[in-house]
Amino acid sequence: GEAMVTELAEPFAMSRIAVSKHLRVLEAAGLISRCVEGR
């Protein structure tokens, strides 16, 4: 199911920025979509 970036970052021993980089790769491949509501 859908999740916020902060929720996705929780289980990983890496910064939120590093998780965001992984998410950008997934997004560029079309594997995920992102909806931005404010922050």
PDB file of all heavy atoms in Angstrom:
ATOM      1  N   GLY A   1       0.811  -1.214   0.000  1.00  0.00           N
ATOM      2  CA  GLY A   1       0.000   0.000   0.000  1.00  0.00           C
ATOM      3  C   GLY A   1       0.840   1.258   0.000  1.00  0.00           C
ATOM      4  O   GLY A   1       2.046   1.228   0.240  1.00  0.00           O
ATOM      5  N   GLU A   2       0.171   2.351  -0.283  1.00  0.00           N
ATOM      6  CA  GLU A   2       0.805   3.663  -0.350  1.00  0.00           C
ATOM      7  C   GLU A   2       1.516   3.984   0.960  1.00  0.00           C
ATOM      8  O   GLU A   2       1.077   3.564   2.030  1.00  0.00           O
ATOM      9  CB  GLU A   2      -0.295   4.688  -0.629  1.00  0.00           C
ATOM     10  CG  GLU A   2       0.175   6.107  -0.743  1.00  0.00           C
ATOM     11  CD  GLU A   2      -0.995   7.037  -0.993  1.00  0.00           C
ATOM     12  OE1 GLU A   2      -1.632   7.455  -0.003  1.00  0.00           O
ATOM     13  OE2 GLU A   2      -1.262   7.321  -2.167  1.00  0.00           O
ATOM     14  N   ALA A   3       2.628   4.730   0.877  1.00  0.00           N
ATOM     15  CA  ALA A   3       3.362   5.109   2.090  1.00  0.00           C
ATOM     16  C   ALA A   3       4.056   6.447   1.885  1.00  0.00           C
ATOM     17  O   ALA A   3       4.402   6.819   0.759  1.00  0.00           O
ATOM     18  CB  ALA A   3       4.395   4.041   2.442  1.00  0.00           C
ATOM     19  N   MET A   4       4.252   7.154   2.987  1.00  0.00           N
ATOM     20  CA  MET A   4       5.015   8.402   2.959  1.00  0.00           C
ATOM     21  C   MET A   4       6.502   8.054   2.932  1.00  0.00           C
ATOM     22  O   MET A   4       6.904   6.981   3.405  1.00  0.00           O
ATOM     23  CB  MET A   4       4.703   9.250   4.189  1.00  0.00           C
ATOM     24  CG  MET A   4       3.270   9.761   4.217  1.00  0.00           C
ATOM     25  SD  MET A   4       2.937  10.887   5.598  1.00  0.00           S
ATOM     26  CE  MET A   4       3.296   9.859   7.010  1.00  0.00           C
ATOM     27  N   VAL A   5       7.301   8.970   2.414  1.00  0.00           N
ATOM     28  CA  VAL A   5       8.744   8.747   2.334  1.00  0.00           C
ATOM     29  C   VAL A   5       9.312   8.479   3.726  1.00  0.00           C
ATOM     30  O   VAL A   5      10.160   7.595   3.895  1.00  0.00           O
ATOM     31  CB  VAL A   5       9.449   9.936   1.652  1.00  0.00           C
ATOM     32  CG1 VAL A   5      10.957   9.799   1.731  1.00  0.00           C
ATOM     33  CG2 VAL A   5       9.001  10.053   0.200  1.00  0.00           C
ATOM     34  N   THR A   6       8.838   9.195   4.729  1.00  0.00           N
ATOM     35  CA  THR A   6       9.344   8.970   6.094  1.00  0.00           C
ATOM     36  C   THR A   6       9.057   7.552   6.556  1.00  0.00           C
ATOM     37  O   THR A   6       9.892   6.931   7.218  1.00  0.00           O
ATOM     38  CB  THR A   6       8.731   9.977   7.081  1.00  0.00           C
ATOM     39  OG1 THR A   6       7.297   9.933   6.966  1.00  0.00           O
ATOM     40  CG2 THR A   6       9.226  11.385   6.829  1.00  0.00           C
ATOM     41  N   GLU A   7       7.888   7.019   6.214  1.00  0.00           N
ATOM     42  CA  GLU A   7       7.547   5.639   6.579  1.00  0.00           C
ATOM     43  C   GLU A   7       8.443   4.645   5.834  1.00  0.00           C
ATOM     44  O   GLU A   7       8.861   3.636   6.400  1.00  0.00           O
ATOM     45  CB  GLU A   7       6.087   5.334   6.240  1.00  0.00           C
ATOM     46  CG  GLU A   7       5.087   6.133   7.034  1.00  0.00           C
ATOM     47  CD  GLU A   7       3.669   5.995   6.505  1.00  0.00           C
ATOM     48  OE1 GLU A   7       3.477   5.831   5.281  1.00  0.00           O
ATOM     49  OE2 GLU A   7       2.745   6.065   7.340  1.00  0.00           O
ATOM     50  N   LEU A   8       8.719   4.944   4.583  1.00  0.00           N
ATOM     51  CA  LEU A   8       9.559   4.057   3.788  1.00  0.00           C
ATOM     52  C   LEU A   8      10.999   4.038   4.299  1.00  0.00           C
ATOM     53  O   LEU A   8      11.677   3.011   4.227  1.00  0.00           O
ATOM     54  CB  LEU A   8       9.537   4.482   2.320  1.00  0.00           C
ATOM     55  CG  LEU A   8       8.206   4.299   1.602  1.00  0.00           C
ATOM     56  CD1 LEU A   8       8.229   4.989   0.243  1.00  0.00           C
ATOM     57  CD2 LEU A   8       7.880   2.828   1.450  1.00  0.00           C
ATOM     58  N   ALA A   9      11.466   5.167   4.835  1.00  0.00           N
ATOM     59  CA  ALA A   9      12.843   5.274   5.310  1.00  0.00           C
ATOM     60  C   ALA A   9      13.071   4.583   6.653  1.00  0.00           C
ATOM     61  O   ALA A   9      14.198   4.175   6.950  1.00  0.00           O
ATOM     62  CB  ALA A   9      13.240   6.744   5.409  1.00  0.00           C
ATOM     63  N   GLU A  10      12.017   4.428   7.457  1.00  0.00           N
ATOM     64  CA  GLU A  10      12.152   3.906   8.825  1.00  0.00           C
ATOM     65  C   GLU A  10      12.971   2.617   8.954  1.00  0.00           C
ATOM     66  O   GLU A  10      13.858   2.544   9.787  1.00  0.00           O
ATOM     67  CB  GLU A  10      10.773   3.710   9.460  1.00  0.00           C
ATOM     68  CG  GLU A  10      10.132   4.993   9.909  1.00  0.00           C
ATOM     69  CD  GLU A  10       8.715   4.772  10.421  1.00  0.00           C
ATOM     70  OE1 GLU A  10       8.292   3.618  10.575  1.00  0.00           O
ATOM     71  OE2 GLU A  10       8.030   5.785  10.637  1.00  0.00           O
ATOM     72  N   PRO A  11      12.696   1.572   8.170  1.00  0.00           N
ATOM     73  CA  PRO A  11      13.405   0.310   8.414  1.00  0.00           C
ATOM     74  C   PRO A  11      14.862   0.294   7.951  1.00  0.00           C
ATOM     75  O   PRO A  11      15.577  -0.666   8.238  1.00  0.00           O
ATOM     76  CB  PRO A  11      12.598  -0.719   7.624  1.00  0.00           C
ATOM     77  CG  PRO A  11      11.683   0.023   6.739  1.00  0.00           C
ATOM     78  CD  PRO A  11      11.663   1.437   7.169  1.00  0.00           C
ATOM     79  N   PHE A  12      15.326   1.334   7.294  1.00  0.00           N
ATOM     80  CA  PHE A  12      16.667   1.315   6.721  1.00  0.00           C
ATOM     81  C   PHE A  12      17.648   2.115   7.567  1.00  0.00           C
ATOM     82  O   PHE A  12      17.314   3.164   8.100  1.00  0.00           O
ATOM     83  CB  PHE A  12      16.650   1.872   5.290  1.00  0.00           C
ATOM     84  CG  PHE A  12      15.793   1.061   4.371  1.00  0.00           C
ATOM     85  CD1 PHE A  12      14.527   1.499   4.027  1.00  0.00           C
ATOM     86  CD2 PHE A  12      16.243  -0.144   3.865  1.00  0.00           C
ATOM     87  CE1 PHE A  12      13.727   0.746   3.179  1.00  0.00           C
ATOM     88  CE2 PHE A  12      15.454  -0.902   3.027  1.00  0.00           C
ATOM     89  CZ  PHE A  12      14.185  -0.459   2.689  1.00  0.00           C
ATOM     90  N   ALA A  13      18.863   1.599   7.657  1.00  0.00           N
ATOM     91  CA  ALA A  13      19.924   2.287   8.388  1.00  0.00           C
ATOM     92  C   ALA A  13      20.625   3.245   7.425  1.00  0.00           C
ATOM     93  O   ALA A  13      21.808   3.109   7.121  1.00  0.00           O
ATOM     94  CB  ALA A  13      20.914   1.276   8.956  1.00  0.00           C
ATOM     95  N   MET A  14      19.836   4.183   6.895  1.00  0.00           N
ATOM     96  CA  MET A  14      20.385   5.188   5.982  1.00  0.00           C
ATOM     97  C   MET A  14      19.565   6.459   6.130  1.00  0.00           C
ATOM     98  O   MET A  14      18.458   6.425   6.682  1.00  0.00           O
ATOM     99  CB  MET A  14      20.392   4.689   4.533  1.00  0.00           C
ATOM    100  CG  MET A  14      19.025   4.390   3.943  1.00  0.00           C
ATOM    101  SD  MET A  14      19.071   3.855   2.211  1.00  0.00           S
ATOM    102  CE  MET A  14      19.801   2.260   2.330  1.00  0.00           C
ATOM    103  N   SER A  15      20.124   7.529   5.643  1.00  0.00           N
ATOM    104  CA  SER A  15      19.436   8.814   5.762  1.00  0.00           C
ATOM    105  C   SER A  15      18.200   8.842   4.862  1.00  0.00           C
ATOM    106  O   SER A  15      18.084   8.071   3.915  1.00  0.00           O
ATOM    107  CB  SER A  15      20.387   9.949   5.361  1.00  0.00           C
ATOM    108  OG  SER A  15      20.653   9.884   3.970  1.00  0.00           O
ATOM    109  N   ARG A  16      17.310   9.767   5.178  1.00  0.00           N
ATOM    110  CA  ARG A  16      16.124   9.960   4.353  1.00  0.00           C
ATOM    111  C   ARG A  16      16.517  10.406   2.941  1.00  0.00           C
ATOM    112  O   ARG A  16      15.869  10.065   1.968  1.00  0.00           O
ATOM    113  CB  ARG A  16      15.192  10.969   5.008  1.00  0.00           C
ATOM    114  CG  ARG A  16      13.746  10.717   4.653  1.00  0.00           C
ATOM    115  CD  ARG A  16      12.789  11.629   5.382  1.00  0.00           C
ATOM    116  NE  ARG A  16      12.832  11.436   6.819  1.00  0.00           N
ATOM    117  CZ  ARG A  16      12.601  12.385   7.712  1.00  0.00           C
ATOM    118  NH1 ARG A  16      12.303  13.595   7.328  1.00  0.00           N
ATOM    119  NH2 ARG A  16      12.647  12.145   8.997  1.00  0.00           N
ATOM    120  N   ILE A  17      17.621  11.148   2.854  1.00  0.00           N
ATOM    121  CA  ILE A  17      18.120  11.598   1.546  1.00  0.00           C
ATOM    122  C   ILE A  17      18.544  10.394   0.708  1.00  0.00           C
ATOM    123  O   ILE A  17      18.249  10.328  -0.494  1.00  0.00           O
ATOM    124  CB  ILE A  17      19.289  12.597   1.727  1.00  0.00           C
ATOM    125  CG1 ILE A  17      18.766  13.893   2.336  1.00  0.00           C
ATOM    126  CG2 ILE A  17      19.995  12.860   0.406  1.00  0.00           C
ATOM    127  CD1 ILE A  17      19.845  14.862   2.764  1.00  0.00           C
ATOM    128  N   ALA A  18      19.222   9.427   1.316  1.00  0.00           N
ATOM    129  CA  ALA A  18      19.643   8.224   0.590  1.00  0.00           C
ATOM    130  C   ALA A  18      18.424   7.435   0.118  1.00  0.00           C
ATOM    131  O   ALA A  18      18.395   6.940  -1.019  1.00  0.00           O
ATOM    132  CB  ALA A  18      20.536   7.359   1.472  1.00  0.00           C
ATOM    133  N   VAL A  19      17.411   7.319   0.964  1.00  0.00           N
ATOM    134  CA  VAL A  19      16.181   6.622   0.572  1.00  0.00           C
ATOM    135  C   VAL A  19      15.514   7.371  -0.571  1.00  0.00           C
ATOM    136  O   VAL A  19      15.036   6.759  -1.535  1.00  0.00           O
ATOM    137  CB  VAL A  19      15.226   6.448   1.776  1.00  0.00           C
ATOM    138  CG1 VAL A  19      13.873   5.932   1.327  1.00  0.00           C
ATOM    139  CG2 VAL A  19      15.841   5.506   2.805  1.00  0.00           C
ATOM    140  N   SER A  20      15.515   8.704  -0.502  1.00  0.00           N
ATOM    141  CA  SER A  20      14.920   9.510  -1.572  1.00  0.00           C
ATOM    142  C   SER A  20      15.630   9.280  -2.901  1.00  0.00           C
ATOM    143  O   SER A  20      14.992   9.269  -3.961  1.00  0.00           O
ATOM    144  CB  SER A  20      14.953  10.991  -1.220  1.00  0.00           C
ATOM    145  OG  SER A  20      14.011  11.253  -0.210  1.00  0.00           O
ATOM    146  N   LYS A  21      16.944   9.083  -2.868  1.00  0.00           N
ATOM    147  CA  LYS A  21      17.686   8.789  -4.105  1.00  0.00           C
ATOM    148  C   LYS A  21      17.215   7.464  -4.700  1.00  0.00           C
ATOM    149  O   LYS A  21      17.030   7.355  -5.918  1.00  0.00           O
ATOM    150  CB  LYS A  21      19.183   8.763  -3.837  1.00  0.00           C
ATOM    151  CG  LYS A  21      19.774  10.137  -3.613  1.00  0.00           C
ATOM    152  CD  LYS A  21      21.268  10.055  -3.373  1.00  0.00           C
ATOM    153  CE  LYS A  21      21.837  11.433  -3.121  1.00  0.00           C
ATOM    154  NZ  LYS A  21      23.291  11.400  -2.922  1.00  0.00           N
ATOM    155  N   HIS A  22      17.024   6.465  -3.841  1.00  0.00           N
ATOM    156  CA  HIS A  22      16.505   5.168  -4.313  1.00  0.00           C
ATOM    157  C   HIS A  22      15.106   5.343  -4.902  1.00  0.00           C
ATOM    158  O   HIS A  22      14.779   4.764  -5.943  1.00  0.00           O
ATOM    159  CB  HIS A  22      16.466   4.148  -3.172  1.00  0.00           C
ATOM    160  CG  HIS A  22      17.807   3.589  -2.827  1.00  0.00           C
ATOM    161  ND1 HIS A  22      18.527   2.801  -3.686  1.00  0.00           N
ATOM    162  CD2 HIS A  22      18.545   3.693  -1.697  1.00  0.00           C
ATOM    163  CE1 HIS A  22      19.661   2.447  -3.112  1.00  0.00           C
ATOM    164  NE2 HIS A  22      19.694   2.972  -1.896  1.00  0.00           N
ATOM    165  N   LEU A  23      14.294   6.146  -4.247  1.00  0.00           N
ATOM    166  CA  LEU A  23      12.931   6.376  -4.741  1.00  0.00           C
ATOM    167  C   LEU A  23      12.948   7.079  -6.094  1.00  0.00           C
ATOM    168  O   LEU A  23      12.125   6.782  -6.957  1.00  0.00           O
ATOM    169  CB  LEU A  23      12.120   7.173  -3.714  1.00  0.00           C
ATOM    170  CG  LEU A  23      11.794   6.424  -2.420  1.00  0.00           C
ATOM    171  CD1 LEU A  23      11.159   7.375  -1.407  1.00  0.00           C
ATOM    172  CD2 LEU A  23      10.909   5.231  -2.678  1.00  0.00           C
ATOM    173  N   ARG A  24      13.898   7.996  -6.300  1.00  0.00           N
ATOM    174  CA  ARG A  24      14.001   8.673  -7.596  1.00  0.00           C
ATOM    175  C   ARG A  24      14.354   7.686  -8.713  1.00  0.00           C
ATOM    176  O   ARG A  24      13.851   7.808  -9.833  1.00  0.00           O
ATOM    177  CB  ARG A  24      15.009   9.814  -7.536  1.00  0.00           C
ATOM    178  CG  ARG A  24      14.425  11.070  -6.906  1.00  0.00           C
ATOM    179  CD  ARG A  24      15.271  12.303  -7.154  1.00  0.00           C
ATOM    180  NE  ARG A  24      16.590  12.250  -6.538  1.00  0.00           N
ATOM    181  CZ  ARG A  24      16.858  12.552  -5.276  1.00  0.00           C
ATOM    182  NH1 ARG A  24      15.881  12.930  -4.467  1.00  0.00           N
ATOM    183  NH2 ARG A  24      18.082  12.497  -4.816  1.00  0.00           N
ATOM    184  N   VAL A  25      15.208   6.714  -8.412  1.00  0.00           N
ATOM    185  CA  VAL A  25      15.545   5.686  -9.411  1.00  0.00           C
ATOM    186  C   VAL A  25      14.299   4.878  -9.750  1.00  0.00           C
ATOM    187  O   VAL A  25      14.009   4.614 -10.925  1.00  0.00           O
ATOM    188  CB  VAL A  25      16.686   4.768  -8.909  1.00  0.00           C
ATOM    189  CG1 VAL A  25      16.900   3.588  -9.846  1.00  0.00           C
ATOM    190  CG2 VAL A  25      17.981   5.555  -8.740  1.00  0.00           C
ATOM    191  N   LEU A  26      13.536   4.487  -8.729  1.00  0.00           N
ATOM    192  CA  LEU A  26      12.295   3.730  -8.951  1.00  0.00           C
ATOM    193  C   LEU A  26      11.289   4.570  -9.738  1.00  0.00           C
ATOM    194  O   LEU A  26      10.603   4.058 -10.629  1.00  0.00           O
ATOM    195  CB  LEU A  26      11.692   3.291  -7.613  1.00  0.00           C
ATOM    196  CG  LEU A  26      12.493   2.255  -6.839  1.00  0.00           C
ATOM    197  CD1 LEU A  26      11.942   2.111  -5.418  1.00  0.00           C
ATOM    198  CD2 LEU A  26      12.492   0.917  -7.561  1.00  0.00           C
ATOM    199  N   GLU A  27      11.240   5.844  -9.420  1.00  0.00           N
ATOM    200  CA  GLU A  27      10.312   6.745 -10.109  1.00  0.00           C
ATOM    201  C   GLU A  27      10.716   6.924 -11.578  1.00  0.00           C
ATOM    202  O   GLU A  27       9.871   6.895 -12.471  1.00  0.00           O
ATOM    203  CB  GLU A  27      10.297   8.094  -9.383  1.00  0.00           C
ATOM    204  CG  GLU A  27       9.118   8.956  -9.671  1.00  0.00           C
ATOM    205  CD  GLU A  27       9.056  10.159  -8.734  1.00  0.00           C
ATOM    206  OE1 GLU A  27      10.022  10.443  -7.981  1.00  0.00           O
ATOM    207  OE2 GLU A  27       8.014  10.827  -8.764  1.00  0.00           O
ATOM    208  N   ALA A  28      12.019   7.087 -11.841  1.00  0.00           N
ATOM    209  CA  ALA A  28      12.511   7.249 -13.215  1.00  0.00           C
ATOM    210  C   ALA A  28      12.227   6.003 -14.055  1.00  0.00           C
ATOM    211  O   ALA A  28      12.006   6.093 -15.258  1.00  0.00           O
ATOM    212  CB  ALA A  28      14.009   7.548 -13.205  1.00  0.00           C
ATOM    213  N   ALA A  29      12.206   4.847 -13.398  1.00  0.00           N
ATOM    214  CA  ALA A  29      11.902   3.592 -14.091  1.00  0.00           C
ATOM    215  C   ALA A  29      10.404   3.384 -14.250  1.00  0.00           C
ATOM    216  O   ALA A  29       9.977   2.430 -14.901  1.00  0.00           O
ATOM    217  CB  ALA A  29      12.516   2.419 -13.324  1.00  0.00           C
ATOM    218  N   GLY A  30       9.610   4.259 -13.641  1.00  0.00           N
ATOM    219  CA  GLY A  30       8.158   4.133 -13.731  1.00  0.00           C
ATOM    220  C   GLY A  30       7.575   3.115 -12.777  1.00  0.00           C
ATOM    221  O   GLY A  30       6.400   2.769 -12.863  1.00  0.00           O
ATOM    222  N   LEU A  31       8.398   2.626 -11.837  1.00  0.00           N
ATOM    223  CA  LEU A  31       7.938   1.598 -10.899  1.00  0.00           C
ATOM    224  C   LEU A  31       7.111   2.158  -9.751  1.00  0.00           C
ATOM    225  O   LEU A  31       6.365   1.423  -9.110  1.00  0.00           O
ATOM    226  CB  LEU A  31       9.134   0.819 -10.344  1.00  0.00           C
ATOM    227  CG  LEU A  31       9.793  -0.111 -11.353  1.00  0.00           C
ATOM    228  CD1 LEU A  31      11.188  -0.501 -10.903  1.00  0.00           C
ATOM    229  CD2 LEU A  31       8.926  -1.337 -11.573  1.00  0.00           C
ATOM    230  N   ILE A  32       7.283   3.438  -9.470  1.00  0.00           N
ATOM    231  CA  ILE A  32       6.474   4.081  -8.433  1.00  0.00           C
ATOM    232  C   ILE A  32       5.992   5.433  -8.940  1.00  0.00           C
ATOM    233  O   ILE A  32       6.558   6.003  -9.874  1.00  0.00           O
ATOM    234  CB  ILE A  32       7.234   4.270  -7.099  1.00  0.00           C
ATOM    235  CG1 ILE A  32       8.366   5.287  -7.245  1.00  0.00           C
ATOM    236  CG2 ILE A  32       7.731   2.950  -6.543  1.00  0.00           C
ATOM    237  CD1 ILE A  32       8.945   5.756  -5.915  1.00  0.00           C
ATOM    238  N   SER A  33       4.956   5.921  -8.300  1.00  0.00           N
ATOM    239  CA  SER A  33       4.504   7.291  -8.554  1.00  0.00           C
ATOM    240  C   SER A  33       4.497   8.010  -7.214  1.00  0.00           C
ATOM    241  O   SER A  33       4.382   7.389  -6.157  1.00  0.00           O
ATOM    242  CB  SER A  33       3.124   7.303  -9.208  1.00  0.00           C
ATOM    243  OG  SER A  33       2.177   6.684  -8.375  1.00  0.00           O
ATOM    244  N   ARG A  34       4.639   9.316  -7.289  1.00  0.00           N
ATOM    245  CA  ARG A  34       4.726  10.123  -6.075  1.00  0.00           C
ATOM    246  C   ARG A  34       3.677  11.222  -6.139  1.00  0.00           C
ATOM    247  O   ARG A  34       3.500  11.865  -7.157  1.00  0.00           O
ATOM    248  CB  ARG A  34       6.121  10.729  -5.979  1.00  0.00           C
ATOM    249  CG  ARG A  34       6.424  11.427  -4.698  1.00  0.00           C
ATOM    250  CD  ARG A  34       7.764  12.125  -4.756  1.00  0.00           C
ATOM    251  NE  ARG A  34       8.856  11.256  -5.139  1.00  0.00           N
ATOM    252  CZ  ARG A  34       9.988  11.132  -4.451  1.00  0.00           C
ATOM    253  NH1 ARG A  34      10.162  11.830  -3.360  1.00  0.00           N
ATOM    254  NH2 ARG A  34      10.947  10.353  -4.872  1.00  0.00           N
ATOM    255  N   CYS A  35       2.995  11.414  -5.030  1.00  0.00           N
ATOM    256  CA  CYS A  35       2.002  12.476  -4.905  1.00  0.00           C
ATOM    257  C   CYS A  35       2.507  13.415  -3.810  1.00  0.00           C
ATOM    258  O   CYS A  35       2.823  12.966  -2.702  1.00  0.00           O
ATOM    259  CB  CYS A  35       0.651  11.874  -4.523  1.00  0.00           C
ATOM    260  SG  CYS A  35      -0.610  13.104  -4.204  1.00  0.00           S
ATOM    261  N   VAL A  36       2.632  14.686  -4.128  1.00  0.00           N
ATOM    262  CA  VAL A  36       3.150  15.665  -3.169  1.00  0.00           C
ATOM    263  C   VAL A  36       2.002  16.524  -2.670  1.00  0.00           C
ATOM    264  O   VAL A  36       1.279  17.138  -3.447  1.00  0.00           O
ATOM    265  CB  VAL A  36       4.238  16.544  -3.823  1.00  0.00           C
ATOM    266  CG1 VAL A  36       4.785  17.555  -2.820  1.00  0.00           C
ATOM    267  CG2 VAL A  36       5.353  15.686  -4.396  1.00  0.00           C
ATOM    268  N   GLU A  37       1.842  16.536  -1.346  1.00  0.00           N
ATOM    269  CA  GLU A  37       0.835  17.365  -0.681  1.00  0.00           C
ATOM    270  C   GLU A  37       1.574  18.227   0.338  1.00  0.00           C
ATOM    271  O   GLU A  37       1.822  17.780   1.453  1.00  0.00           O
ATOM    272  CB  GLU A  37      -0.201  16.479   0.012  1.00  0.00           C
ATOM    273  CG  GLU A  37      -0.949  15.558  -0.927  1.00  0.00           C
ATOM    274  CD  GLU A  37      -1.727  14.477  -0.174  1.00  0.00           C
ATOM    275  OE1 GLU A  37      -1.648  14.406   1.078  1.00  0.00           O
ATOM    276  OE2 GLU A  37      -2.392  13.692  -0.854  1.00  0.00           O
ATOM    277  N   GLY A  38       1.943  19.443  -0.077  1.00  0.00           N
ATOM    278  CA  GLY A  38       2.742  20.289   0.797  1.00  0.00           C
ATOM    279  C   GLY A  38       4.117  19.677   0.979  1.00  0.00           C
ATOM    280  O   GLY A  38       4.829  19.431   0.016  1.00  0.00           O
ATOM    281  N   ARG A  39       4.465  19.375   2.229  1.00  0.00           N
ATOM    282  CA  ARG A  39       5.770  18.764   2.526  1.00  0.00           C
ATOM    283  C   ARG A  39       5.690  17.241   2.570  1.00  0.00           C
ATOM    284  O   ARG A  39       6.699  16.580   2.749  1.00  0.00           O
ATOM    285  CB  ARG A  39       6.281  19.295   3.858  1.00  0.00           C
ATOM    286  CG  ARG A  39       6.627  20.778   3.777  1.00  0.00           C
ATOM    287  CD  ARG A  39       7.100  21.313   5.083  1.00  0.00           C
ATOM    288  NE  ARG A  39       8.144  20.477   5.660  1.00  0.00           N
ATOM    289  CZ  ARG A  39       8.755  20.733   6.786  1.00  0.00           C
ATOM    290  NH1 ARG A  39       8.446  21.814   7.463  1.00  0.00           N
ATOM    291  NH2 ARG A  39       9.677  19.926   7.255  1.00  0.00           N
TER     292      ARG A  39
END
